[in-house]
C-alpha atoms as a PDB file:
ATOM      1  CA  MET A   1     130.280 338.247  19.569  1.00  0.00           C
ATOM      2  CA  LEU A   2     130.341 337.212  15.928  1.00  0.00           C
ATOM      3  CA  HIS A   3     129.949 333.535  16.998  1.00  0.00           C
ATOM      4  CA  GLU A   4     126.937 334.324  19.220  1.00  0.00           C
ATOM      5  CA  SER A   5     125.361 336.406  16.447  1.00  0.00           C
ATOM      6  CA  LYS A   6     125.656 333.530  14.019  1.00  0.00           C
ATOM      7  CA  ARG A   7     124.053 331.108  16.531  1.00  0.00           C
ATOM      8  CA  ALA A   8     121.198 333.544  17.088  1.00  0.00           C
ATOM      9  CA  ASN A   9     120.435 333.714  13.358  1.00  0.00           C
ATOM     10  CA  VAL A  10     120.609 330.031  12.408  1.00  0.00           C
ATOM     11  CA  PHE A  11     116.972 330.204  11.193  1.00  0.00           C
ATOM     12  CA  ASP A  12     115.485 333.079   9.307  1.00  0.00           C
ATOM     13  CA  SER A  13     111.853 334.064   9.845  1.00  0.00           C
ATOM     14  CA  ASP A  14     110.490 331.708   7.193  1.00  0.00           C
ATOM     15  CA  GLU A  15     112.429 328.754   8.571  1.00  0.00           C
ATOM     16  CA  ARG A  16     111.319 329.539  12.125  1.00  0.00           C
ATOM     17  CA  GLU A  17     107.719 329.611  10.949  1.00  0.00           C
ATOM     18  CA  ALA A  18     108.144 326.194   9.323  1.00  0.00           C
ATOM     19  CA  VAL A  19     109.697 324.746  12.471  1.00  0.00           C
ATOM     20  CA  GLU A  20     106.910 326.142  14.633  1.00  0.00           C
ATOM     21  CA  LEU A  21     104.343 324.741  12.205  1.00  0.00           C
ATOM     22  CA  PHE A  22     105.671 321.162  12.310  1.00  0.00           C
ATOM     23  CA  ALA A  23     106.896 321.119  15.951  1.00  0.00           C
ATOM     24  CA  PRO A  24     103.624 319.656  17.343  1.00  0.00           C
ATOM     25  CA  GLN A  25     103.950 316.672  14.972  1.00  0.00           C
ATOM     26  CA  ILE A  26     107.697 316.211  15.364  1.00  0.00           C
ATOM     27  CA  GLY A  27     107.732 316.546  19.168  1.00  0.00           C
ATOM     28  CA  PRO A  28     105.899 313.272  19.979  1.00  0.00           C
ATOM     29  CA  ILE A  29     108.015 311.400  17.424  1.00  0.00           C
ATOM     30  CA  LEU A  30     111.224 312.627  19.043  1.00  0.00           C
ATOM     31  CA  ALA A  31     109.836 311.725  22.480  1.00  0.00           C
ATOM     32  CA  ALA A  32     109.022 308.203  21.272  1.00  0.00           C
ATOM     33  CA  VAL A  33     112.539 307.852  19.887  1.00  0.00           C
ATOM     34  CA  ARG A  34     113.986 308.934  23.233  1.00  0.00           C
ATOM     35  CA  GLU A  35     111.799 306.381  25.062  1.00  0.00           C
ATOM     36  CA  THR A  36     112.849 303.619  22.666  1.00  0.00           C
ATOM     37  CA  LEU A  37     116.516 304.450  23.147  1.00  0.00           C
ATOM     38  CA  ALA A  38     116.049 304.499  26.934  1.00  0.00           C
ATOM     39  CA  ALA A  39     114.300 301.107  26.826  1.00  0.00           C
ATOM     40  CA  ASP A  40     117.126 299.692  24.698  1.00  0.00           C
ATOM     41  CA  ARG A  41     119.683 300.981  27.186  1.00  0.00           C
ATOM     42  CA  ALA A  42     117.702 299.413  30.054  1.00  0.00           C
ATOM     43  CA  LYS A  43     117.550 296.061  28.227  1.00  0.00           C
ATOM     44  CA  ALA A  44     121.282 296.218  27.543  1.00  0.00           C
ATOM     45  CA  ALA A  45     121.934 296.955  31.213  1.00  0.00           C
ATOM     46  CA  ALA A  46     119.734 293.994  32.200  1.00  0.00           C
ATOM     47  CA  ARG A  47     121.651 291.732  29.820  1.00  0.00           C
ATOM     48  CA  ASP A  48     124.926 292.908  31.306  1.00  0.00           C
ATOM     49  CA  ALA A  49     123.591 292.294  34.824  1.00  0.00           C
ATOM     50  CA  GLY A  50     122.532 288.750  33.913  1.00  0.00           C
ATOM     51  CA  PRO A  51     119.233 286.881  33.451  1.00  0.00           C
ATOM     52  CA  SER A  52     116.390 287.281  35.942  1.00  0.00           C
ATOM     53  CA  SER A  53     115.036 283.780  35.308  1.00  0.00           C
ATOM     54  CA  TYR A  54     115.900 280.367  33.916  1.00  0.00           C
ATOM     55  CA  CYS A  55     113.014 278.085  32.937  1.00  0.00           C
ATOM     56  CA  SER A  56     110.936 277.805  36.143  1.00  0.00           C
ATOM     57  CA  LEU A  57     113.536 279.523  38.349  1.00  0.00           C
ATOM     58  CA  VAL A  58     113.311 283.226  39.235  1.00  0.00           C
ATOM     59  CA  GLY A  59     116.102 285.462  40.521  1.00  0.00           C
ATOM     60  CA  ALA A  60     118.746 287.881  39.272  1.00  0.00           C
ATOM     61  CA  SER A  61     121.142 287.777  42.229  1.00  0.00           C
ATOM     62  CA  SER A  62     124.755 286.748  41.741  1.00  0.00           C
ATOM     63  CA  VAL A  63     124.177 283.364  43.401  1.00  0.00           C
ATOM     64  CA  MET A  64     121.257 282.632  41.067  1.00  0.00           C
ATOM     65  CA  ARG A  65     123.239 283.657  37.995  1.00  0.00           C
ATOM     66  CA  LYS A  66     125.945 281.213  39.077  1.00  0.00           C
ATOM     67  CA  LEU A  67     123.250 278.545  39.443  1.00  0.00           C
ATOM     68  CA  TYR A  68     121.910 279.248  35.929  1.00  0.00           C
ATOM     69  CA  ALA A  69     125.436 279.010  34.513  1.00  0.00           C
ATOM     70  CA  ARG A  70     125.836 275.599  36.142  1.00  0.00           C
ATOM     71  CA  LEU A  71     122.452 274.326  34.984  1.00  0.00           C
ATOM     72  CA  GLU A  72     122.785 275.308  31.330  1.00  0.00           C
ATOM     73  CA  PRO A  73     125.492 272.791  30.319  1.00  0.00           C
ATOM     74  CA  LEU A  74     123.778 270.054  32.365  1.00  0.00           C
ATOM     75  CA  ALA A  75     120.302 270.483  30.875  1.00  0.00           C
ATOM     76  CA  SER A  76     120.904 268.230  27.861  1.00  0.00           C
ATOM     77  CA  SER A  77     123.273 265.866  29.638  1.00  0.00           C
ATOM     78  CA  PRO A  78     122.076 262.339  30.509  1.00  0.00           C
ATOM     79  CA  SER A  79     124.189 262.345  33.684  1.00  0.00           C
ATOM     80  CA  THR A  80     122.619 261.816  37.100  1.00  0.00           C
ATOM     81  CA  VAL A  81     122.534 265.011  39.162  1.00  0.00           C
ATOM     82  CA  LEU A  82     122.350 265.413  42.941  1.00  0.00           C
ATOM     83  CA  VAL A  83     120.530 268.587  44.023  1.00  0.00           C
ATOM     84  CA  MET A  84     121.287 269.716  47.561  1.00  0.00           C
ATOM     85  CA  GLY A  85     119.615 272.461  49.552  1.00  0.00           C
ATOM     86  CA  GLU A  86     117.529 273.364  52.561  1.00  0.00           C
ATOM     87  CA  ARG A  87     113.844 272.474  52.803  1.00  0.00           C
ATOM     88  CA  GLY A  88     111.698 274.777  50.724  1.00  0.00           C
ATOM     89  CA  SER A  89     114.631 276.199  48.766  1.00  0.00           C
ATOM     90  CA  GLY A  90     113.351 274.994  45.379  1.00  0.00           C
ATOM     91  CA  LYS A  91     115.163 271.711  44.697  1.00  0.00           C
ATOM     92  CA  GLU A  92     112.281 270.384  42.599  1.00  0.00           C
ATOM     93  CA  LEU A  93     112.244 273.638  40.604  1.00  0.00           C
ATOM     94  CA  VAL A  94     115.932 273.088  39.834  1.00  0.00           C
ATOM     95  CA  ALA A  95     115.126 269.564  38.635  1.00  0.00           C
ATOM     96  CA  ARG A  96     112.315 270.931  36.466  1.00  0.00           C
ATOM     97  CA  ALA A  97     114.673 273.548  35.038  1.00  0.00           C
ATOM     98  CA  LEU A  98     117.109 270.784  34.069  1.00  0.00           C
ATOM     99  CA  HIS A  99     114.227 269.002  32.357  1.00  0.00           C
ATOM    100  CA  GLN A 100     112.731 272.043  30.639  1.00  0.00           C
ATOM    101  CA  GLY A 101     116.081 273.411  29.485  1.00  0.00           C
ATOM    102  CA  GLY A 102     117.158 270.243  27.680  1.00  0.00           C
ATOM    103  CA  SER A 103     116.134 267.916  24.902  1.00  0.00           C
ATOM    104  CA  ARG A 104     113.832 265.872  27.183  1.00  0.00           C
ATOM    105  CA  LYS A 105     111.333 268.686  27.827  1.00  0.00           C
ATOM    106  CA  ALA A 106     108.613 267.087  25.653  1.00  0.00           C
ATOM    107  CA  ALA A 107     108.882 263.806  27.601  1.00  0.00           C
ATOM    108  CA  PRO A 108     107.403 263.131  31.071  1.00  0.00           C
ATOM    109  CA  PHE A 109     108.718 264.757  34.234  1.00  0.00           C
ATOM    110  CA  ILE A 110     107.889 262.651  37.299  1.00  0.00           C
ATOM    111  CA  ALA A 111     108.606 263.879  40.829  1.00  0.00           C
ATOM    112  CA  ALA A 112     108.368 261.736  43.942  1.00  0.00           C
ATOM    113  CA  ASN A 113     109.386 262.050  47.593  1.00  0.00           C
ATOM    114  CA  VAL A 114     110.702 258.650  48.604  1.00  0.00           C
ATOM    115  CA  ALA A 115     110.188 259.448  52.300  1.00  0.00           C
ATOM    116  CA  THR A 116     106.405 259.339  51.768  1.00  0.00           C
ATOM    117  CA  PHE A 117     106.336 255.790  50.346  1.00  0.00           C
ATOM    118  CA  GLN A 118     105.142 252.938  52.512  1.00  0.00           C
ATOM    119  CA  PRO A 119     108.237 250.850  53.376  1.00  0.00           C
ATOM    120  CA  THR A 120     106.552 247.621  52.251  1.00  0.00           C
ATOM    121  CA  LEU A 121     105.641 249.025  48.831  1.00  0.00           C
ATOM    122  CA  ILE A 122     108.610 251.223  47.961  1.00  0.00           C
ATOM    123  CA  ASP A 123     110.301 248.536  45.839  1.00  0.00           C
ATOM    124  CA  SER A 124     107.270 248.145  43.576  1.00  0.00           C
ATOM    125  CA  GLU A 125     106.742 251.931  43.483  1.00  0.00           C
ATOM    126  CA  LEU A 126     110.266 252.473  42.183  1.00  0.00           C
ATOM    127  CA  PHE A 127     111.045 249.329  40.198  1.00  0.00           C
ATOM    128  CA  GLY A 128     107.572 248.111  39.221  1.00  0.00           C
ATOM    129  CA  ARG A 129     106.000 244.688  39.723  1.00  0.00           C
ATOM    130  CA  VAL A 130     104.627 241.797  37.747  1.00  0.00           C
ATOM    131  CA  LYS A 131     101.051 240.631  38.093  1.00  0.00           C
ATOM    132  CA  ASP A 132     100.447 238.591  41.274  1.00  0.00           C
ATOM    133  CA  ALA A 133     103.917 239.457  42.582  1.00  0.00           C
ATOM    134  CA  TYR A 134     102.361 239.558  46.050  1.00  0.00           C
ATOM    135  CA  THR A 135      98.909 239.515  47.606  1.00  0.00           C
ATOM    136  CA  GLY A 136      96.890 242.399  46.221  1.00  0.00           C
ATOM    137  CA  ALA A 137      99.083 242.920  43.142  1.00  0.00           C
ATOM    138  CA  ALA A 138      96.216 242.348  40.719  1.00  0.00           C
ATOM    139  CA  GLU A 139      98.037 243.891  37.772  1.00  0.00           C
ATOM    140  CA  ALA A 140     101.549 244.725  36.634  1.00  0.00           C
ATOM    141  CA  THR A 141     102.940 248.243  37.061  1.00  0.00           C
ATOM    142  CA  PRO A 142     106.049 249.745  35.418  1.00  0.00           C
ATOM    143  CA  GLY A 143     107.436 251.593  38.452  1.00  0.00           C
ATOM    144  CA  LEU A 144     108.647 255.191  38.438  1.00  0.00           C
ATOM    145  CA  PHE A 145     111.985 254.508  36.731  1.00  0.00           C
ATOM    146  CA  ARG A 146     110.216 253.169  33.652  1.00  0.00           C
ATOM    147  CA  ALA A 147     107.120 255.379  33.864  1.00  0.00           C
ATOM    148  CA  ALA A 148     109.348 258.403  33.233  1.00  0.00           C
ATOM    149  CA  LYS A 149     110.215 256.870  29.827  1.00  0.00           C
ATOM    150  CA  ASP A 150     112.624 259.206  27.975  1.00  0.00           C
ATOM    151  CA  GLY A 151     111.963 262.071  30.363  1.00  0.00           C
ATOM    152  CA  THR A 152     113.214 262.882  33.864  1.00  0.00           C
ATOM    153  CA  LEU A 153     112.635 261.123  37.183  1.00  0.00           C
ATOM    154  CA  PHE A 154     113.155 263.352  40.232  1.00  0.00           C
ATOM    155  CA  LEU A 155     113.531 261.541  43.563  1.00  0.00           C
ATOM    156  CA  ASP A 156     113.590 263.749  46.664  1.00  0.00           C
ATOM    157  CA  GLU A 157     114.781 262.873  50.195  1.00  0.00           C
ATOM    158  CA  ILE A 158     117.153 260.118  49.099  1.00  0.00           C
ATOM    159  CA  GLY A 159     118.916 260.421  52.444  1.00  0.00           C
ATOM    160  CA  GLU A 160     115.914 258.597  53.934  1.00  0.00           C
ATOM    161  CA  LEU A 161     116.371 255.433  51.845  1.00  0.00           C
ATOM    162  CA  THR A 162     117.424 252.275  53.651  1.00  0.00           C
ATOM    163  CA  LEU A 163     120.881 250.879  52.926  1.00  0.00           C
ATOM    164  CA  GLU A 164     119.274 248.032  50.983  1.00  0.00           C
ATOM    165  CA  LEU A 165     117.381 250.441  48.731  1.00  0.00           C
ATOM    166  CA  GLN A 166     120.505 252.568  48.341  1.00  0.00           C
ATOM    167  CA  ALA A 167     122.271 249.499  46.947  1.00  0.00           C
ATOM    168  CA  LYS A 168     119.429 248.938  44.472  1.00  0.00           C
ATOM    169  CA  LEU A 169     119.484 252.604  43.465  1.00  0.00           C
ATOM    170  CA  LEU A 170     123.236 252.417  42.855  1.00  0.00           C
ATOM    171  CA  ARG A 171     122.739 249.423  40.594  1.00  0.00           C
ATOM    172  CA  VAL A 172     120.064 251.257  38.587  1.00  0.00           C
ATOM    173  CA  LEU A 173     122.365 254.246  38.130  1.00  0.00           C
ATOM    174  CA  GLN A 174     125.219 251.997  37.004  1.00  0.00           C
ATOM    175  CA  GLU A 175     123.372 249.459  34.861  1.00  0.00           C
ATOM    176  CA  LYS A 176     120.369 251.554  33.725  1.00  0.00           C
ATOM    177  CA  ARG A 177     118.154 248.516  34.316  1.00  0.00           C
ATOM    178  CA  VAL A 178     115.534 247.496  36.868  1.00  0.00           C
ATOM    179  CA  ARG A 179     114.000 244.181  37.824  1.00  0.00           C
ATOM    180  CA  PRO A 180     110.298 244.433  38.721  1.00  0.00           C
ATOM    181  CA  VAL A 181     109.203 242.844  41.988  1.00  0.00           C
ATOM    182  CA  GLY A 182     108.331 239.201  41.320  1.00  0.00           C
ATOM    183  CA  GLY A 183     109.877 239.287  37.855  1.00  0.00           C
ATOM    184  CA  GLU A 184     112.896 237.538  36.346  1.00  0.00           C
ATOM    185  CA  ASP A 185     113.689 239.772  33.379  1.00  0.00           C
ATOM    186  CA  GLU A 186     115.360 243.148  33.709  1.00  0.00           C
ATOM    187  CA  LYS A 187     113.903 246.207  32.009  1.00  0.00           C
ATOM    188  CA  LYS A 188     115.892 249.068  30.509  1.00  0.00           C
ATOM    189  CA  VAL A 189     115.705 252.523  32.127  1.00  0.00           C
ATOM    190  CA  ARG A 190     115.827 255.399  29.641  1.00  0.00           C
ATOM    191  CA  ALA A 191     114.954 258.285  31.970  1.00  0.00           C
ATOM    192  CA  ARG A 192     117.411 260.860  33.232  1.00  0.00           C
ATOM    193  CA  ILE A 193     117.666 260.642  37.046  1.00  0.00           C
ATOM    194  CA  VAL A 194     117.818 263.693  39.313  1.00  0.00           C
ATOM    195  CA  LEU A 195     118.144 263.093  43.056  1.00  0.00           C
ATOM    196  CA  ALA A 196     117.762 265.552  45.929  1.00  0.00           C
ATOM    197  CA  THR A 197     118.284 265.832  49.659  1.00  0.00           C
ATOM    198  CA  ASN A 198     118.287 268.440  52.408  1.00  0.00           C
ATOM    199  CA  ARG A 199     120.602 266.324  54.551  1.00  0.00           C
ATOM    200  CA  ASP A 200     124.387 266.229  54.774  1.00  0.00           C
ATOM    201  CA  LEU A 201     125.105 262.991  52.906  1.00  0.00           C
ATOM    202  CA  ALA A 202     128.825 263.123  53.722  1.00  0.00           C
ATOM    203  CA  ALA A 203     127.932 263.132  57.426  1.00  0.00           C
ATOM    204  CA  LEU A 204     125.529 260.231  56.878  1.00  0.00           C
ATOM    205  CA  VAL A 205     128.321 258.312  55.134  1.00  0.00           C
ATOM    206  CA  ALA A 206     130.557 258.888  58.177  1.00  0.00           C
ATOM    207  CA  GLU A 207     127.752 257.601  60.419  1.00  0.00           C
ATOM    208  CA  GLY A 208     127.281 254.496  58.267  1.00  0.00           C
ATOM    209  CA  LYS A 209     123.753 255.533  57.247  1.00  0.00           C
ATOM    210  CA  PHE A 210     124.500 256.261  53.586  1.00  0.00           C
ATOM    211  CA  ARG A 211     126.540 254.114  51.234  1.00  0.00           C
ATOM    212  CA  ALA A 212     129.930 255.579  50.398  1.00  0.00           C
ATOM    213  CA  ASP A 213     129.905 254.005  46.919  1.00  0.00           C
ATOM    214  CA  LEU A 214     126.540 255.620  46.120  1.00  0.00           C
ATOM    215  CA  TYR A 215     127.750 258.979  47.416  1.00  0.00           C
ATOM    216  CA  ASP A 216     130.917 258.695  45.324  1.00  0.00           C
ATOM    217  CA  ARG A 217     128.762 257.904  42.275  1.00  0.00           C
ATOM    218  CA  LEU A 218     126.912 261.210  42.678  1.00  0.00           C
ATOM    219  CA  THR A 219     129.743 263.459  41.575  1.00  0.00           C
ATOM    220  CA  ILE A 220     127.632 266.044  39.704  1.00  0.00           C
ATOM    221  CA  ARG A 221     126.148 268.117  42.494  1.00  0.00           C
ATOM    222  CA  ILE A 222     124.178 271.359  42.527  1.00  0.00           C
ATOM    223  CA  GLU A 223     123.765 273.464  45.640  1.00  0.00           C
ATOM    224  CA  VAL A 224     120.544 275.507  45.767  1.00  0.00           C
ATOM    225  CA  PRO A 225     121.107 278.765  47.685  1.00  0.00           C
ATOM    226  CA  PRO A 226     118.785 279.519  50.614  1.00  0.00           C
ATOM    227  CA  LEU A 227     116.540 282.568  50.333  1.00  0.00           C
ATOM    228  CA  ARG A 228     118.505 284.456  53.001  1.00  0.00           C
ATOM    229  CA  ALA A 229     121.512 284.359  50.636  1.00  0.00           C
ATOM    230  CA  ARG A 230     119.605 286.136  47.860  1.00  0.00           C
ATOM    231  CA  LYS A 231     117.218 288.569  49.498  1.00  0.00           C
ATOM    232  CA  GLU A 232     117.621 290.982  46.583  1.00  0.00           C
ATOM    233  CA  ASP A 233     115.508 288.471  44.608  1.00  0.00           C
ATOM    234  CA  ILE A 234     112.483 288.898  46.908  1.00  0.00           C
ATOM    235  CA  PRO A 235     110.773 291.632  44.804  1.00  0.00           C
ATOM    236  CA  LEU A 236     111.110 289.427  41.705  1.00  0.00           C
ATOM    237  CA  LEU A 237     109.781 286.403  43.597  1.00  0.00           C
ATOM    238  CA  VAL A 238     106.863 288.408  44.972  1.00  0.00           C
ATOM    239  CA  ALA A 239     105.944 289.629  41.479  1.00  0.00           C
ATOM    240  CA  HIS A 240     106.171 286.044  40.221  1.00  0.00           C
ATOM    241  CA  LEU A 241     104.274 284.336  43.054  1.00  0.00           C
ATOM    242  CA  LEU A 242     101.499 286.823  43.886  1.00  0.00           C
ATOM    243  CA  PRO A 243      99.398 286.430  40.700  1.00  0.00           C
ATOM    244  CA  ARG A 244      99.360 282.627  40.989  1.00  0.00           C
ATOM    245  CA  LEU A 245      98.560 282.597  44.715  1.00  0.00           C
ATOM    246  CA  ALA A 246      95.845 285.237  44.314  1.00  0.00           C
ATOM    247  CA  ALA A 247      94.275 283.332  41.406  1.00  0.00           C
ATOM    248  CA  GLU A 248      94.245 280.108  43.441  1.00  0.00           C
ATOM    249  CA  GLN A 249      92.379 281.921  46.236  1.00  0.00           C
ATOM    250  CA  MET A 250      90.141 283.791  43.754  1.00  0.00           C
ATOM    251  CA  ARG A 251      91.274 287.100  45.235  1.00  0.00           C
ATOM    252  CA  PRO A 252      92.627 290.272  43.584  1.00  0.00           C
ATOM    253  CA  VAL A 253      96.381 290.640  43.370  1.00  0.00           C
ATOM    254  CA  PRO A 254      97.439 292.970  46.216  1.00  0.00           C
ATOM    255  CA  ARG A 255      99.840 295.835  45.658  1.00  0.00           C
ATOM    256  CA  PHE A 256     102.933 295.857  47.840  1.00  0.00           C
ATOM    257  CA  SER A 257     104.530 299.123  48.896  1.00  0.00           C
ATOM    258  CA  ASP A 258     108.279 299.618  49.234  1.00  0.00           C
ATOM    259  CA  ALA A 259     107.844 299.407  53.008  1.00  0.00           C
ATOM    260  CA  THR A 260     106.115 296.032  52.675  1.00  0.00           C
ATOM    261  CA  LEU A 261     108.906 294.698  50.452  1.00  0.00           C
ATOM    262  CA  GLU A 262     111.454 295.932  53.001  1.00  0.00           C
ATOM    263  CA  ALA A 263     109.546 294.084  55.724  1.00  0.00           C
ATOM    264  CA  LEU A 264     109.601 290.917  53.612  1.00  0.00           C
ATOM    265  CA  ALA A 265     113.354 291.255  53.093  1.00  0.00           C
ATOM    266  CA  ALA A 266     113.921 291.629  56.849  1.00  0.00           C
ATOM    267  CA  ARG A 267     112.844 288.060  57.598  1.00  0.00           C
ATOM    268  CA  ASP A 268     115.232 285.112  57.958  1.00  0.00           C
ATOM    269  CA  TYR A 269     113.111 282.530  56.063  1.00  0.00           C
ATOM    270  CA  PRO A 270     114.204 279.224  57.596  1.00  0.00           C
ATOM    271  CA  GLY A 271     111.521 277.700  55.344  1.00  0.00           C
ATOM    272  CA  ASN A 272     112.904 279.543  52.304  1.00  0.00           C
ATOM    273  CA  ILE A 273     110.636 280.100  49.267  1.00  0.00           C
ATOM    274  CA  ARG A 274     107.952 277.809  50.690  1.00  0.00           C
ATOM    275  CA  GLU A 275     107.769 280.096  53.722  1.00  0.00           C
ATOM    276  CA  LEU A 276     107.654 283.204  51.511  1.00  0.00           C
ATOM    277  CA  GLU A 277     104.650 281.668  49.732  1.00  0.00           C
ATOM    278  CA  GLN A 278     102.892 281.192  53.080  1.00  0.00           C
ATOM    279  CA  VAL A 279     103.570 284.807  54.064  1.00  0.00           C
ATOM    280  CA  LEU A 280     102.154 286.053  50.757  1.00  0.00           C
ATOM    281  CA  LEU A 281      99.146 283.739  51.079  1.00  0.00           C
ATOM    282  CA  HIS A 282      98.491 285.101  54.577  1.00  0.00           C
ATOM    283  CA  HIS A 283      98.580 288.641  53.184  1.00  0.00           C
ATOM    284  CA  ILE A 284      96.219 287.755  50.312  1.00  0.00           C
ATOM    285  CA  LEU A 285      93.697 286.142  52.657  1.00  0.00           C
ATOM    286  CA  PHE A 286      93.789 288.550  55.589  1.00  0.00           C
ATOM    287  CA  GLY A 287      95.266 291.744  54.141  1.00  0.00           C
ATOM    288  CA  GLU A 288      97.773 292.005  56.953  1.00  0.00           C
ATOM    289  CA  PRO A 289     101.301 293.286  56.324  1.00  0.00           C
ATOM    290  CA  PRO A 290     104.216 290.883  56.852  1.00  0.00           C
ATOM    291  CA  VAL A 291     105.443 290.628  60.418  1.00  0.00           C
ATOM    292  CA  ALA A 292     108.906 289.984  61.773  1.00  0.00           C
ATOM    293  CA  GLU A 293     108.220 286.396  62.810  1.00  0.00           C
ATOM    294  CA  PRO A 294     107.359 283.679  60.265  1.00  0.00           C
ATOM    295  CA  VAL A 295     103.721 282.793  59.663  1.00  0.00           C
ATOM    296  CA  ARG A 296     103.463 279.029  60.177  1.00  0.00           C
ATOM    297  CA  PRO A 297     100.485 276.767  59.445  1.00  0.00           C
ATOM    298  CA  ARG A 298     100.770 275.011  62.813  1.00  0.00           C
ATOM    299  CA  ALA A 299     102.266 275.656  66.235  1.00  0.00           C
ATOM    300  CA  VAL A 300     105.946 276.482  66.237  1.00  0.00           C
ATOM    301  CA  ARG A 301     108.050 273.669  67.656  1.00  0.00           C
ATOM    302  CA  LYS A 302     111.773 273.957  68.196  1.00  0.00           C
ATOM    303  CA  ARG A 303     113.068 271.398  65.753  1.00  0.00           C
ATOM    304  CA  LYS A 304     115.375 268.788  67.198  1.00  0.00           C
ATOM    305  CA  LEU A 305     117.982 266.861  65.329  1.00  0.00           C
ATOM    306  CA  LEU A 306     116.503 263.613  64.035  1.00  0.00           C
ATOM    307  CA  ARG A 307     118.695 261.558  66.344  1.00  0.00           C
ATOM    308  CA  GLU A 308     117.339 263.500  69.377  1.00  0.00           C
ATOM    309  CA  ILE A 309     113.707 262.566  68.736  1.00  0.00           C
ATOM    310  CA  THR A 310     112.927 259.719  71.140  1.00  0.00           C
ATOM    311  CA  ARG A 311     110.628 256.741  70.710  1.00  0.00           C
ATOM    312  CA  GLU A 312     108.408 258.182  73.461  1.00  0.00           C
ATOM    313  CA  GLU A 313     107.936 261.394  71.444  1.00  0.00           C
ATOM    314  CA  ILE A 314     107.109 259.388  68.322  1.00  0.00           C
ATOM    315  CA  VAL A 315     104.577 257.207  70.179  1.00  0.00           C
ATOM    316  CA  ALA A 316     103.012 260.295  71.776  1.00  0.00           C
ATOM    317  CA  ALA A 317     102.743 262.001  68.387  1.00  0.00           C
ATOM    318  CA  ILE A 318     101.083 258.917  66.869  1.00  0.00           C
ATOM    319  CA  LYS A 319      98.630 258.812  69.781  1.00  0.00           C
ATOM    320  CA  ALA A 320      97.860 262.529  69.402  1.00  0.00           C
ATOM    321  CA  ALA A 321      97.259 261.934  65.688  1.00  0.00           C
ATOM    322  CA  LYS A 322      94.820 259.128  66.563  1.00  0.00           C
ATOM    323  CA  GLY A 323      97.050 256.471  65.053  1.00  0.00           C
ATOM    324  CA  ASN A 324      97.769 258.350  61.820  1.00  0.00           C
ATOM    325  CA  LYS A 325     101.515 257.861  61.367  1.00  0.00           C
ATOM    326  CA  LEU A 326     101.708 260.153  58.342  1.00  0.00           C
ATOM    327  CA  GLN A 327     100.200 262.999  60.367  1.00  0.00           C
ATOM    328  CA  ALA A 328     102.500 262.169  63.288  1.00  0.00           C
ATOM    329  CA  ALA A 329     105.512 262.384  60.981  1.00  0.00           C
ATOM    330  CA  LYS A 330     104.326 265.798  59.754  1.00  0.00           C
ATOM    331  CA  ASP A 331     103.789 267.028  63.316  1.00  0.00           C
ATOM    332  CA  LEU A 332     107.303 265.930  64.258  1.00  0.00           C
ATOM    333  CA  ASP A 333     108.766 267.407  61.056  1.00  0.00           C
ATOM    334  CA  LEU A 334     110.113 263.915  60.450  1.00  0.00           C
ATOM    335  CA  PRO A 335     110.136 261.980  57.142  1.00  0.00           C
ATOM    336  CA  ARG A 336     107.677 259.089  57.281  1.00  0.00           C
ATOM    337  CA  ALA A 337     110.305 256.495  56.358  1.00  0.00           C
ATOM    338  CA  THR A 338     112.503 257.771  59.210  1.00  0.00           C
ATOM    339  CA  LEU A 339     109.585 257.485  61.635  1.00  0.00           C
ATOM    340  CA  TYR A 340     109.036 253.821  60.686  1.00  0.00           C
ATOM    341  CA  ARG A 341     112.749 253.093  60.846  1.00  0.00           C
ATOM    342  CA  ARG A 342     113.114 254.791  64.244  1.00  0.00           C
ATOM    343  CA  LEU A 343     110.222 252.750  65.650  1.00  0.00           C
ATOM    344  CA  GLU A 344     111.871 249.552  64.381  1.00  0.00           C
ATOM    345  CA  GLU A 345     115.305 250.543  65.727  1.00  0.00           C
ATOM    346  CA  GLU A 346     113.943 251.417  69.150  1.00  0.00           C
ATOM    347  CA  SER A 347     111.978 248.161  69.394  1.00  0.00           C
ATOM    348  CA  ASP A 348     115.014 245.937  68.644  1.00  0.00           C
END
């Protein structure tokens, strides 16, 4: 009883009056302090959980944190890196993160898909040419290896290179020099090279379609996780992608409910982040909630393995595209270089 009496008389009447007088001013200050402490605790928890982004990459899942940890020591390294992953998974973003996170970030970053080059011009595109090297070569060009200067050159779809070009690529990686088409002198390559593929290069080596010595040279490899392996990142990706996509379409940024985010997470995403972008774009344009099946820009076609696509299918696709081989390759979901090579193989 004595203890309770003492607690009840901590303040006398004058002190209580003073407390009541200053309480309105002190209350908001104490509330602000509590909010600051709560924010600090939240930031500390986020730090303990790991980063939610790295350069141009977004995601806080365990697989993405492992990816960030692998990228960080490689960012300032001059070593060639092979980035592997499914289509649309963000291989170019990984290459950009390597560039932005290192000492080369102020230098050029050049990205190219080698499967889109015309077979007759790919040598000059990559290695450059001297003036009058061939008919129509009115001026000299440096080629991508030298155009990247002290920056980064990212070459995607290297699994589509011919064996001859693979040999030339191996020599560039080993010697750091290129010889322009029609030239006699070699030129030094200063750029850091990052290569990428969505194909199983080890399987291509076994089939004799990819050089074993080139594959063995590419020992530093990064695997980009597919979106289905990190669905907990979808809310972060949505928050990151929506403002850009809405701005491009000159539309307001839509608000997504928890139910909508759950619907987005329920999809399989065979097209990965690229497919997520298309779903969000569809929602921005038409205001429709995500559906269970993917939204595709053209008719869904059951994709065959490349070796199962026949010459007759290729010829029919070219005819349907009115002779446009690039469009035919897109319709077949086939790299352009593979389409040309398959036509040549079938005609032999």
